[in-house]
Protein backbone atom coordinates (compact mmCIF):
# COMPACT_ATOMS: atom_id res chain seq x y z
CA MET A 1 22.00 5.38 24.16
CA ALA A 2 19.11 5.14 21.69
CA TYR A 3 18.96 2.29 19.18
CA GLY A 4 16.86 2.10 15.93
CA SER A 5 16.90 4.17 12.86
CA MET A 6 16.18 7.92 12.50
CA ALA A 7 14.16 8.79 9.46
CA THR A 8 15.58 11.56 7.15
CA SER A 9 14.14 12.74 3.88
CA GLU A 10 17.56 13.36 2.22
CA SER A 11 18.60 9.67 1.88
CA VAL A 12 17.29 6.23 1.72
CA LEU A 13 18.76 3.67 4.06
CA MET A 14 20.48 0.90 2.34
CA PRO A 15 21.88 -2.19 4.22
CA PRO A 16 25.45 -3.22 3.56
CA GLY A 17 26.01 -4.37 0.04
CA VAL A 18 22.84 -2.88 -1.58
CA PRO A 19 23.29 0.24 -3.62
CA ALA A 20 20.72 3.02 -3.63
CA ALA A 21 20.36 3.23 -7.39
CA PRO A 22 19.65 0.45 -9.82
CA GLU A 23 22.52 -1.09 -11.72
CA CYS A 24 22.82 -2.82 -14.98
CA GLY A 25 24.99 -5.51 -16.20
CA SER A 26 23.18 -8.79 -15.57
CA THR A 27 21.64 -10.54 -18.40
CA ALA A 28 19.85 -13.30 -16.47
CA GLU A 29 16.66 -11.51 -16.55
CA PRO A 30 15.37 -8.32 -18.32
CA ALA A 31 14.93 -5.33 -16.13
CA ALA A 32 11.42 -4.21 -15.14
CA ALA A 33 9.93 -1.03 -16.68
CA ALA A 34 10.47 1.96 -14.46
CA VAL A 35 6.97 2.65 -13.13
CA GLY A 36 6.47 4.61 -10.07
CA ARG A 37 8.10 3.98 -6.61
CA ARG A 38 8.89 0.42 -5.73
CA SER A 39 9.98 0.21 -2.07
CA ILE A 40 10.80 -2.84 -0.10
CA ILE A 41 11.35 -3.40 3.67
CA PHE A 42 13.14 -6.70 4.63
CA GLU A 43 11.92 -7.58 8.03
CA ALA A 44 13.12 -10.23 10.42
CA ASP A 45 10.74 -11.01 13.28
CA ASP A 46 11.43 -12.28 16.75
CA LEU A 47 14.71 -10.38 17.69
CA GLY A 48 15.22 -11.26 21.34
CA LEU A 49 13.10 -14.43 21.31
CA LEU A 50 16.27 -16.73 21.32
CA TYR A 51 19.97 -16.19 20.96
CA ALA A 52 19.72 -18.12 17.63
CA PHE A 53 17.37 -15.42 16.32
CA ASN A 54 19.60 -12.69 17.53
CA GLU A 55 22.55 -14.04 15.68
CA GLY A 56 20.43 -14.62 12.58
CA VAL A 57 19.41 -10.93 12.61
CA ARG A 58 23.01 -9.73 13.15
CA ARG A 59 24.29 -11.69 10.21
CA ALA A 60 21.36 -10.77 7.94
CA TRP A 61 22.08 -7.13 8.62
CA SER A 62 25.89 -7.31 8.30
CA GLY A 63 25.92 -9.63 5.23
CA GLY A 64 22.58 -9.34 3.62
CA VAL A 65 19.75 -6.97 2.69
CA LEU A 66 17.93 -6.89 6.03
CA THR A 67 16.69 -3.42 6.92
CA SER A 68 14.28 -3.91 9.86
CA THR A 69 13.59 -6.23 12.83
CA CYS A 70 11.11 -6.23 15.77
CA LEU A 71 11.83 -6.96 19.36
CA ARG A 72 10.04 -9.62 21.43
CA ALA A 73 9.83 -7.82 24.73
CA ASN A 74 8.98 -11.11 26.51
CA GLY A 75 11.78 -13.04 24.71
CA PHE A 76 14.36 -15.38 26.34
CA ALA A 77 17.28 -13.42 24.83
CA TYR A 78 15.71 -9.85 24.98
CA ARG A 79 18.62 -8.38 27.09
CA HIS A 80 21.14 -9.89 24.68
CA ALA A 81 19.35 -8.21 21.77
CA ILE A 82 19.38 -4.82 23.57
CA GLU A 83 22.92 -4.87 24.95
CA THR A 84 24.76 -6.66 22.13
CA VAL A 85 22.96 -7.00 18.87
CA LEU A 86 21.39 -3.45 18.28
CA PRO A 87 24.54 -1.55 19.30
CA GLU A 88 26.29 -3.51 16.49
CA CYS A 89 23.48 -2.77 13.89
CA ALA A 90 23.36 1.00 13.76
CA GLY A 91 20.77 2.03 11.28
CA LEU A 92 18.66 -1.14 11.48
CA GLY A 93 15.00 -0.25 11.85
CA VAL A 94 13.45 -1.58 15.07
CA GLY A 95 9.80 -2.31 15.90
CA VAL A 96 7.95 -4.10 18.69
CA HIS A 97 6.75 -7.57 17.99
CA LEU A 98 3.67 -7.61 20.19
CA CYS A 99 3.00 -10.99 21.63
CA LEU A 100 -0.25 -12.35 23.22
CA ASN A 101 0.08 -16.09 22.67
CA GLU A 102 3.60 -17.22 23.65
CA ALA A 103 5.86 -17.15 26.65
CA ASP A 104 5.56 -15.13 29.79
CA PRO A 105 3.63 -11.79 29.94
CA VAL A 106 5.45 -8.52 30.43
CA ALA A 107 2.67 -7.11 32.54
CA PRO A 108 2.20 -8.48 36.20
CA PRO A 109 0.26 -11.74 35.69
CA ALA A 110 -2.69 -10.67 38.00
CA ARG A 111 -3.44 -7.82 35.62
CA VAL A 112 -3.69 -10.06 32.47
CA ALA A 113 -5.23 -13.20 33.92
CA ARG A 114 -7.62 -13.48 31.04
CA LEU A 115 -4.71 -13.96 28.69
CA LEU A 116 -2.91 -16.70 30.69
CA GLY A 117 -3.10 -20.51 30.40
CA PRO A 118 -2.66 -23.10 33.23
CA ALA A 119 1.17 -22.50 33.43
CA ARG A 120 0.55 -18.80 33.83
CA ARG A 121 2.00 -18.19 30.35
CA LEU A 122 0.24 -16.41 27.57
CA ARG A 123 -2.18 -18.88 26.00
CA PRO A 124 -1.05 -20.18 22.57
CA GLY A 125 -3.20 -19.89 19.51
CA PHE A 126 -5.22 -17.42 17.42
CA ALA A 127 -8.90 -18.40 17.61
CA TRP A 128 -9.35 -17.69 21.33
CA LEU A 129 -8.20 -14.09 20.93
CA LEU A 130 -11.09 -13.51 18.47
CA SER A 131 -13.42 -14.07 21.58
CA ALA A 132 -11.19 -12.25 24.05
CA ALA A 133 -11.14 -9.13 21.90
CA ARG A 134 -14.98 -8.93 22.02
CA ASP A 135 -15.44 -8.44 25.70
CA ALA A 136 -14.34 -5.34 27.78
CA ARG A 137 -12.24 -7.41 30.22
CA GLY A 138 -10.34 -9.12 27.34
CA ILE A 139 -9.57 -5.95 25.39
CA SER A 140 -8.58 -4.09 28.49
CA GLN A 141 -6.09 -6.78 29.48
CA ILE A 142 -4.76 -6.89 25.93
CA GLU A 143 -4.12 -3.14 26.08
CA THR A 144 -2.39 -3.67 29.42
CA GLU A 145 0.04 -6.26 27.93
CA PHE A 146 0.73 -4.26 24.80
CA ARG A 147 1.45 -1.21 26.75
CA ALA A 148 3.86 -3.09 29.04
CA GLN A 149 5.74 -4.56 26.00
CA ILE A 150 6.03 -1.19 24.28
CA GLU A 151 7.14 0.60 27.39
CA ARG A 152 9.74 -2.03 28.13
CA VAL A 153 11.32 -1.52 24.71
CA LEU A 154 11.06 2.29 24.94
CA SER A 155 12.68 2.23 28.49
CA ASP A 156 15.67 0.54 26.96
CA GLY A 157 16.34 3.52 24.65
CA VAL A 158 14.91 1.98 21.42
CA ARG A 159 13.37 4.24 18.82
CA ILE A 160 10.34 2.27 17.64
CA ASP A 161 9.31 2.75 13.93
CA HIS A 162 6.64 0.16 13.55
CA LEU A 163 4.33 -2.27 15.36
CA ASN A 164 3.36 -5.88 14.40
CA SER A 165 2.63 -8.99 16.30
CA HIS A 166 3.37 -12.66 16.73
CA GLN A 167 1.24 -14.74 14.47
CA HIS A 168 -0.43 -11.49 13.20
CA VAL A 169 -2.88 -11.41 16.16
CA HIS A 170 -2.96 -7.57 15.87
CA MET A 171 -4.74 -7.93 12.55
CA ILE A 172 -7.94 -9.01 14.38
CA PRO A 173 -10.06 -5.92 13.83
CA ARG A 174 -10.72 -5.07 17.45
CA ILE A 175 -7.09 -5.65 18.43
CA PHE A 176 -5.98 -3.68 15.33
CA ARG A 177 -7.92 -0.57 16.50
CA LEU A 178 -6.12 -0.83 19.85
CA THR A 179 -2.82 -1.30 18.13
CA CYS A 180 -3.39 1.83 16.02
CA ARG A 181 -4.44 3.91 19.05
CA LEU A 182 -1.27 2.96 20.90
CA ALA A 183 0.84 3.59 17.81
CA ALA A 184 -0.61 7.13 17.63
CA GLU A 185 -0.08 7.67 21.30
CA TYR A 186 3.53 6.50 21.38
CA GLY A 187 4.48 8.28 18.08
CA VAL A 188 4.98 5.09 16.02
CA PRO A 189 4.39 5.82 12.38
CA VAL A 190 3.78 2.44 10.83
CA VAL A 191 1.47 -0.50 11.74
CA ARG A 192 1.81 -3.79 9.73
CA ILE A 193 -1.06 -4.78 7.59
CA ALA A 194 -0.58 -8.47 6.30
CA ARG A 195 -2.07 -8.15 2.76
CA GLU A 196 -0.51 -10.67 0.42
CA LEU A 197 -1.14 -11.25 -3.25
CA PRO A 198 -1.45 -14.89 -4.43
CA HIS A 199 1.88 -16.27 -5.66
CA SER A 200 3.70 -19.52 -5.89
CA HIS A 201 7.13 -20.72 -7.16
CA SER A 202 7.77 -23.57 -9.63
CA GLY A 203 7.71 -27.23 -8.63
CA LEU A 204 5.05 -29.44 -7.12
CA ARG A 205 6.20 -28.83 -3.53
CA GLY A 206 6.41 -25.11 -4.11
CA ARG A 207 2.92 -25.03 -5.28
CA LEU A 208 1.60 -27.13 -2.47
CA GLN A 209 3.52 -25.57 0.35
CA PRO A 210 0.74 -22.89 1.26
CA TYR A 211 -1.74 -25.81 1.57
CA LEU A 212 0.41 -28.16 3.59
CA ASN A 213 0.19 -26.03 6.80
CA SER A 214 -3.01 -24.22 6.08
CA ASN A 215 -1.28 -20.99 5.30
CA ILE A 216 -3.69 -20.36 2.38
CA VAL A 217 -6.47 -20.21 4.95
CA LYS A 218 -4.52 -17.75 7.01
CA ARG A 219 -3.83 -15.50 3.90
CA VAL A 220 -7.52 -15.39 3.03
CA LEU A 221 -8.48 -14.43 6.61
CA LEU A 222 -5.75 -11.83 6.98
CA ASN A 223 -6.60 -10.32 3.52
CA ARG A 224 -10.28 -10.01 4.74
CA PHE A 225 -9.19 -8.27 7.97
CA ALA A 226 -6.89 -6.02 5.91
CA ARG A 227 -9.69 -4.37 3.92
CA ARG A 228 -11.30 -3.16 7.03
CA ASN A 229 -8.13 -2.38 8.94
CA GLU A 230 -6.56 -0.17 6.27
CA ARG A 231 -9.42 2.26 6.47
CA TYR A 232 -9.03 2.57 10.26
CA ALA A 233 -5.28 3.12 9.94
CA THR A 234 -5.71 5.77 7.39
CA ARG A 235 -8.27 7.69 9.47
CA ASN A 236 -5.86 7.71 12.37
CA GLY A 237 -2.95 9.04 10.37
CA LEU A 238 -0.88 5.89 10.40
CA LEU A 239 1.01 4.32 7.42
CA THR A 240 0.75 0.83 6.15
CA THR A 241 2.65 -0.80 3.23
CA ASP A 242 0.66 -1.59 0.10
CA TYR A 243 1.51 -5.30 0.25
CA PHE A 244 3.07 -7.95 2.53
CA ILE A 245 4.98 -11.18 1.56
CA GLY A 246 5.49 -13.86 4.21
CA VAL A 247 2.15 -15.47 4.99
CA SER A 248 1.72 -18.24 2.36
CA TYR A 249 5.31 -19.37 2.76
CA THR A 250 5.85 -18.30 6.33
CA ALA A 251 9.05 -20.06 7.67
CA ASN A 252 9.77 -21.26 4.16
CA MET A 253 11.14 -18.11 2.57
CA SER A 254 13.67 -19.33 0.01
CA LEU A 255 15.25 -17.23 -2.70
CA ARG A 256 12.75 -18.64 -5.18
CA THR A 257 9.85 -17.75 -2.94
CA ILE A 258 11.05 -14.23 -2.39
CA ARG A 259 11.30 -13.60 -6.03
CA ALA A 260 7.93 -15.18 -6.70
CA GLY A 261 6.29 -12.97 -4.10
CA LEU A 262 7.92 -9.77 -5.47
CA SER A 263 6.98 -10.74 -9.05
CA ALA A 264 3.34 -10.55 -7.95
CA VAL A 265 3.67 -7.00 -6.64
CA PRO A 266 3.09 -4.44 -9.49
CA TYR A 267 4.26 -1.23 -7.73
CA GLY A 268 4.24 0.61 -4.47
CA SER A 269 5.64 -0.77 -1.13
CA VAL A 270 5.96 -4.11 0.33
CA GLU A 271 7.19 -5.55 3.68
CA LEU A 272 8.86 -8.97 3.24
CA LEU A 273 9.07 -11.21 6.34
CA LEU A 274 11.80 -13.83 7.26
CA HIS A 275 12.83 -15.63 10.28
CA PRO A 276 16.55 -16.10 9.85
CA ALA A 277 18.31 -17.79 12.72
CA VAL A 278 21.66 -19.43 13.52
CA GLY A 279 20.87 -22.48 15.59
CA PRO A 280 20.76 -24.40 17.66
CA ASP A 281 22.54 -22.08 20.06
CA ALA A 282 23.81 -23.56 23.35
CA ARG A 283 22.83 -20.34 25.20
CA ASP A 284 19.11 -21.16 24.43
CA ALA A 285 19.20 -24.42 26.46
CA GLY A 286 17.37 -22.83 29.36
CA CYS A 287 14.41 -21.64 27.27
CA PRO A 288 11.34 -23.53 28.68
CA ILE A 289 9.38 -23.54 25.32
CA ALA A 290 10.31 -26.86 23.82
CA TYR A 291 9.16 -26.51 20.23
CA LEU A 292 11.24 -23.33 19.78
CA HIS A 293 14.41 -25.51 19.99
CA GLU A 294 13.17 -27.57 17.06
CA TYR A 295 12.05 -24.43 15.08
CA VAL A 296 15.52 -22.71 15.17
CA ALA A 297 17.31 -26.01 14.33
CA ALA A 298 15.03 -26.60 11.23
CA PRO A 299 16.93 -26.27 7.92
CA GLN A 300 14.58 -23.50 6.74
CA ARG A 301 16.05 -21.00 9.21
CA ALA A 302 19.56 -21.50 7.55
CA THR A 303 17.96 -21.28 4.11
CA GLU A 304 16.23 -17.95 4.91
CA LEU A 305 19.53 -16.59 6.22
CA ARG A 306 21.35 -17.63 3.04
CA SER A 307 18.51 -16.18 0.91
CA ILE A 308 18.73 -12.73 2.49
CA CYS A 309 22.43 -12.76 2.13
CA SER A 310 22.55 -14.07 -1.39
CA PRO A 311 24.27 -11.90 -4.08
CA ALA A 312 21.52 -13.16 -6.46
CA LEU A 313 18.94 -11.43 -4.36
CA ARG A 314 20.86 -8.12 -4.44
CA ASP A 315 21.19 -8.46 -8.24
CA TYR A 316 17.47 -9.19 -8.57
CA LEU A 317 16.65 -6.09 -6.54
CA ARG A 318 18.88 -3.89 -8.72
CA ARG A 319 17.48 -5.13 -11.93
CA ARG A 320 13.81 -4.91 -10.82
CA GLU A 321 14.42 -1.38 -9.41
CA TRP A 322 13.44 -2.09 -5.87
CA ILE A 323 14.60 0.59 -3.35
CA VAL A 324 15.50 -1.08 -0.06
CA MET A 325 14.71 0.83 3.21
CA ASN A 326 13.45 0.41 6.73
CA HIS A 327 10.12 1.49 8.11
CA ALA A 328 11.29 4.86 9.35
CA GLN A 329 12.85 5.74 6.06
CA TRP A 330 9.81 4.54 4.19
CA ALA A 331 7.46 6.50 6.36
CA SER A 332 9.55 9.72 5.83
CA GLU A 333 9.55 9.22 2.02
CA GLU A 334 5.75 8.58 2.04
CA ARG A 335 5.05 11.77 3.90
CA ALA A 336 7.44 13.80 1.81
CA ALA A 337 5.82 12.39 -1.40
CA MET A 338 2.38 13.70 -0.41
CA PRO A 339 1.47 16.23 -3.15
CA ALA A 340 1.04 19.91 -2.57
CA GLN A 341 -2.64 21.03 -2.39
CA THR A 342 -4.50 24.03 -3.72
CA THR A 343 -8.19 25.05 -4.12
CA PRO A 344 -8.79 26.81 -7.44
CA GLU A 345 -11.37 29.54 -7.65
CA ILE A 346 -14.53 28.35 -9.49
CA ARG A 347 -16.42 31.07 -11.21
CA SER A 348 -20.19 31.20 -10.52
CA ASP A 349 -21.05 31.08 -14.23
CA VAL A 350 -18.93 27.97 -14.76
CA GLN A 351 -20.48 26.27 -11.75
CA SER A 352 -23.95 27.06 -13.03
CA LEU A 353 -23.25 25.80 -16.49
CA CYS A 354 -21.74 22.47 -15.20
CA ASP A 355 -24.66 21.98 -12.68
CA ALA A 356 -27.39 22.70 -15.33
CA LEU A 357 -25.96 20.95 -18.37
CA GLU A 358 -28.09 18.13 -19.57
CA VAL A 359 -26.28 15.16 -21.01
CA PRO A 360 -28.63 12.17 -21.24
CA GLY A 361 -27.61 8.77 -22.30
CA PRO A 362 -28.70 5.21 -22.37
CA ILE A 363 -28.41 3.13 -19.21
CA TRP A 364 -25.46 1.21 -20.59
CA VAL A 365 -23.33 4.37 -20.69
CA SER A 366 -22.07 5.71 -17.40
CA GLU A 367 -24.14 8.79 -16.55
CA ALA A 368 -22.66 12.19 -15.49
CA GLN A 369 -22.45 12.24 -11.66
CA PRO A 370 -22.00 15.41 -9.47
CA ASP A 371 -18.31 14.64 -9.18
CA SER A 372 -17.94 14.53 -12.93
CA ARG A 373 -19.36 18.02 -13.15
CA ALA A 374 -17.04 19.05 -10.32
CA PHE A 375 -14.13 17.61 -12.27
CA ALA A 376 -15.16 19.62 -15.20
CA GLN A 377 -14.97 22.76 -13.21
CA LEU A 378 -11.46 21.86 -12.06
CA ALA A 379 -10.36 21.29 -15.68
CA LEU A 380 -11.65 24.66 -16.67
CA ALA A 381 -9.81 26.36 -13.84
CA ILE A 382 -6.29 25.20 -15.06
CA SER A 383 -6.94 25.72 -18.78
CA ARG A 384 -7.34 28.69 -20.90
CA PRO A 385 -9.56 29.50 -23.95
CA GLY A 386 -7.97 28.35 -27.24
CA GLN A 387 -5.96 25.51 -25.65
CA ARG A 388 -6.32 22.03 -27.07
CA VAL A 389 -7.88 19.73 -24.59
CA LEU A 390 -8.39 15.89 -24.57
CA ASP A 391 -11.51 14.73 -22.63
CA LEU A 392 -10.42 11.06 -21.86
CA GLY A 393 -13.11 8.73 -20.79
CA THR A 394 -15.71 11.14 -21.91
CA GLY A 395 -18.93 8.99 -21.11
CA THR A 396 -21.89 11.19 -21.92
CA GLY A 397 -19.47 14.03 -22.71
CA VAL A 398 -20.06 16.33 -19.84
CA VAL A 399 -16.46 17.48 -19.37
CA GLY A 400 -15.75 17.96 -23.05
CA ILE A 401 -18.99 19.86 -23.78
CA VAL A 402 -18.42 22.22 -20.80
CA MET A 403 -14.79 22.84 -22.04
CA ALA A 404 -15.94 23.42 -25.65
CA ARG A 405 -18.64 25.81 -24.39
CA MET A 406 -15.94 27.81 -22.63
CA GLY A 407 -13.80 28.20 -25.67
CA ARG A 408 -11.43 25.22 -25.58
CA SER A 409 -10.69 23.02 -28.56
CA VAL A 410 -11.73 19.63 -27.51
CA VAL A 411 -11.25 16.03 -28.59
CA ALA A 412 -13.47 13.56 -26.66
CA VAL A 413 -12.40 9.95 -26.34
CA ASP A 414 -13.81 6.86 -24.92
CA ILE A 415 -13.14 3.07 -25.23
CA SER A 416 -16.86 2.37 -25.52
CA PRO A 417 -18.44 3.02 -29.07
CA ALA A 418 -21.86 3.67 -27.27
CA ALA A 419 -20.26 6.39 -25.17
CA VAL A 420 -18.71 7.98 -28.21
CA ARG A 421 -22.08 8.04 -30.00
CA THR A 422 -23.68 9.50 -26.82
CA ALA A 423 -21.06 12.22 -26.44
CA GLN A 424 -21.38 13.18 -30.08
CA ARG A 425 -25.24 13.46 -29.88
CA ASN A 426 -24.97 15.53 -26.66
CA ALA A 427 -22.44 17.87 -28.23
CA SER A 428 -24.76 18.39 -31.25
CA ARG A 429 -27.60 18.96 -28.94
CA HIS A 430 -25.72 21.80 -27.16
CA GLY A 431 -24.36 23.21 -30.39
CA VAL A 432 -20.74 22.70 -29.77
CA SER A 433 -18.00 21.48 -32.08
CA MET A 434 -16.17 18.49 -30.40
CA GLU A 435 -14.37 15.69 -32.21
CA CYS A 436 -15.35 12.34 -30.69
CA LEU A 437 -13.18 9.17 -31.08
CA GLN A 438 -13.27 5.51 -29.92
CA SER A 439 -9.86 4.69 -28.47
CA ASP A 440 -8.32 2.65 -25.68
CA LEU A 441 -6.66 5.51 -23.74
CA LEU A 442 -4.34 7.30 -26.34
CA GLU A 443 -3.76 4.48 -28.82
CA ARG A 444 -5.84 6.17 -31.63
CA VAL A 445 -5.32 9.79 -30.60
CA SER A 446 -3.11 12.38 -32.26
CA GLY A 447 -1.63 15.13 -30.14
CA PRO A 448 -0.36 17.44 -28.97
CA PHE A 449 -2.73 18.57 -26.16
CA ASP A 450 -2.13 21.30 -23.65
CA LEU A 451 -4.35 19.36 -21.19
CA ILE A 452 -5.36 15.66 -20.94
CA ALA A 453 -8.32 15.35 -18.56
CA PHE A 454 -9.07 11.71 -17.56
CA ASN A 455 -12.05 10.59 -15.62
CA PRO A 456 -11.42 6.87 -15.06
CA PRO A 457 -14.53 4.61 -14.97
CA TYR A 458 -15.52 3.37 -11.40
CA ASN A 459 -15.10 -0.18 -12.51
CA PHE A 460 -13.17 -3.31 -11.44
CA ARG A 461 -12.29 -3.99 -15.19
CA PRO A 462 -12.92 -2.48 -18.62
CA ASP A 463 -16.43 -1.29 -19.44
CA THR A 464 -19.06 -3.74 -20.40
CA PHE A 465 -22.77 -3.45 -21.17
CA ALA A 466 -23.82 -5.32 -17.91
CA MET A 467 -21.35 -3.46 -15.72
CA ASN A 468 -22.58 -0.07 -16.81
CA VAL A 469 -26.27 -1.03 -16.42
CA ALA A 470 -25.54 -2.29 -12.87
CA LYS A 471 -23.57 0.79 -12.04
CA ASN A 472 -26.20 3.14 -13.21
CA VAL A 473 -28.92 1.30 -11.26
CA LEU A 474 -26.99 1.16 -8.15
CA ARG A 475 -26.07 4.77 -8.13
CA ARG A 476 -29.78 5.51 -7.74
CA VAL A 477 -29.65 3.92 -4.23
CA PRO A 478 -29.37 6.86 -1.84
CA PHE A 479 -27.00 5.00 0.52
CA ILE A 480 -24.61 4.00 -2.29
CA ARG A 481 -24.66 7.56 -3.68
CA ARG A 482 -23.76 8.94 -0.28
CA GLN A 483 -20.93 6.52 0.18
CA SER A 484 -19.37 7.00 -3.26
CA GLY A 485 -15.79 8.42 -2.88
CA LEU A 486 -15.53 7.67 0.83
CA ALA A 487 -13.86 4.36 0.55
CA MET A 488 -12.35 2.91 -2.65
CA PRO A 489 -12.87 -0.91 -3.15
CA ARG A 490 -9.57 -2.45 -3.70
CA GLY A 491 -10.51 -4.00 -7.00
CA VAL A 492 -11.46 -0.52 -8.44
CA LEU A 493 -8.28 0.94 -7.03
CA LYS A 494 -6.10 -1.68 -8.71
CA PHE A 495 -7.89 -1.12 -11.97
CA HIS A 496 -7.33 2.62 -11.62
CA GLN A 497 -3.64 2.05 -10.93
CA GLN A 498 -3.33 -0.07 -14.09
CA LEU A 499 -4.97 2.57 -16.18
CA ILE A 500 -2.92 5.58 -14.82
CA ALA A 501 0.25 3.49 -15.24
CA ARG A 502 -0.54 2.95 -18.95
CA LEU A 503 -1.63 6.62 -19.40
CA VAL A 504 1.63 8.09 -18.01
CA GLY A 505 3.57 5.86 -20.28
CA GLN A 506 1.69 7.07 -23.38
CA ALA A 507 1.11 10.72 -22.35
CA PRO A 508 4.54 12.36 -23.08
CA ARG A 509 4.13 11.73 -26.85
CA HIS A 510 0.78 13.46 -26.73
CA LEU A 511 1.43 16.48 -24.51
CA ALA A 512 2.51 19.81 -25.93
CA PRO A 513 5.45 21.54 -24.17
CA GLY A 514 4.20 22.46 -20.60
CA GLY A 515 1.20 20.30 -21.07
CA LEU A 516 -0.53 18.82 -18.07
CA LEU A 517 -2.38 15.62 -17.03
CA LEU A 518 -5.46 16.04 -14.86
CA ILE A 519 -6.95 12.93 -13.31
CA HIS A 520 -10.20 12.63 -11.54
CA ALA A 521 -9.61 10.90 -8.20
CA TYR A 522 -11.21 10.50 -4.77
CA GLU A 523 -9.22 11.61 -1.74
CA SER A 524 -8.99 7.94 -0.52
CA GLU A 525 -7.14 6.77 -3.60
CA VAL A 526 -4.55 9.52 -4.11
CA PRO A 527 -1.69 7.87 -2.10
CA ALA A 528 -2.06 4.68 -4.11
CA LEU A 529 -2.28 6.43 -7.46
CA THR A 530 0.79 8.54 -6.82
CA LYS A 531 2.85 5.33 -6.49
CA VAL A 532 2.33 4.32 -10.15
CA LEU A 533 3.73 7.82 -11.36
CA PRO A 534 7.29 8.31 -12.55
CA ARG A 535 9.57 9.31 -9.84
CA ASN A 536 10.22 12.71 -11.38
CA ALA A 537 6.52 13.59 -11.78
CA ARG A 538 5.24 16.67 -9.99
CA VAL A 539 1.73 16.31 -8.57
CA THR A 540 -0.59 18.98 -7.11
CA LEU A 541 -3.92 18.15 -5.75
CA LEU A 542 -6.74 20.51 -6.89
CA ARG A 543 -9.37 20.52 -4.24
CA HIS A 544 -12.92 21.48 -5.33
CA PRO A 545 -14.38 24.21 -3.01
CA ALA A 546 -17.37 22.00 -2.32
CA LEU A 547 -15.23 18.76 -2.32
CA VAL A 548 -18.15 17.08 -4.22
CA ASN A 549 -18.24 13.31 -3.32
CA ARG A 550 -14.56 13.71 -2.02
CA THR A 551 -13.45 14.45 -5.55
CA VAL A 552 -10.01 15.89 -6.24
CA GLY A 553 -8.07 16.54 -9.35
CA MET A 554 -4.52 15.20 -9.64
CA GLN A 555 -2.58 17.72 -11.71
CA ILE A 556 0.54 15.93 -13.02
CA GLU A 557 3.56 17.44 -14.67
CA LEU A 558 5.57 14.76 -16.52
CA THR A 559 9.05 16.38 -16.45
């Protein structure tokens, strides 16, 4: 018999007691604005480590919002987890909690000697693995142990929907690459990335807790690893949640901590980690690892179990419009949400016009890049002469001028007064009529428009004189010009998400019936940008035939 969840695109898994749709009725806290998709996976690590953890997982599933767990293949109570707990928790997502630094190896000890300490158990700690991952013998033995653990779980009929690790050791970049390779080989869709936003709850102890056990250092290190690891996972077709909660307050996840962590997440997906347990359990007396007995008996384990079973948590999730699911369900939804794609035909005269158009400007106004000219061609391909078009974020005016030259009625807008003046001068220079306005997005714009074309600035924050000067200088460096669009810095991505979220909130009042949004994007940022769109938005990716600088247009219908 196979255990673990099966992904379907028709429904979203909800644990007992959590409705699939948000409900109203509580007045304790105002509901969040409905922006994009907000998905959460409640994960309990260490199923199979001890009987106390097994019982904690069982209760958190039956009486709480737990949706996912991960098996310790080298755990003391592994057989009990396989034979008793999982059969009673049908629909619970199951992953493998890969372990390199605790308990006995699953592989034959002679084949993983580099990983073992004096007692022929896996060596404890994190730092030594940084060194072990750098040499060929070390990484080979890590692979041997990982394979043995994954194959033990598979041999017991478990459908694995994600991989993670004890103490997040798989986040070490060389080990992460190995983990991704094994996930792809064994058909596992999701690998954990522990990327956590800063957060704290009220009270002196709550604010100090991440510093008391050096968790703040761990969070900084893991976030640094996450930037590199995310790109590798994406290149290998693997999914990772946008955010993670459970590093700063690991083993201390109270209801207040959970709410503080979720309040820091703007939109997208998050995995939230707990370690609920019911202990001490007399059946664990034979476990030879002494500190585990103290760990499961600590009051924090009971606190975490109460928190995940709390009606207040269920109410919070409903009011904040979080959709609760497991990794398999989330992966299925992510793949189903990928937009359709098409490559519009670009006429040769349009391409020649866009490439040859001269739109000079001062160094403190963002200059027209090749991808901006490609974006203008995409905007022309989905609009018709006579339509009213808004060129949002006009810069030097390249998009608006091209549109006006080809018979569209254009209003050009920018938050920067210098950009507005530059666009107006360039429009006059080319003999086109184009209204130019200074506005923060659509605040001072009057619709309706058949098309709103937005080219967001490649910035970490709103335009400034110094930022635009630095950007224009750096873009003249050949290496930076070549790399533009291949990987999106997280600060730029977050800024773009904020801008798009604001724009889609304003746009319905400014669009004509059947009107469209068209957003300039790079391929690497499309998945993140789709998460801030309303759930009923229809997105089509317009791929430029030359894919200039990895540029695509996100055509959005706000139904």
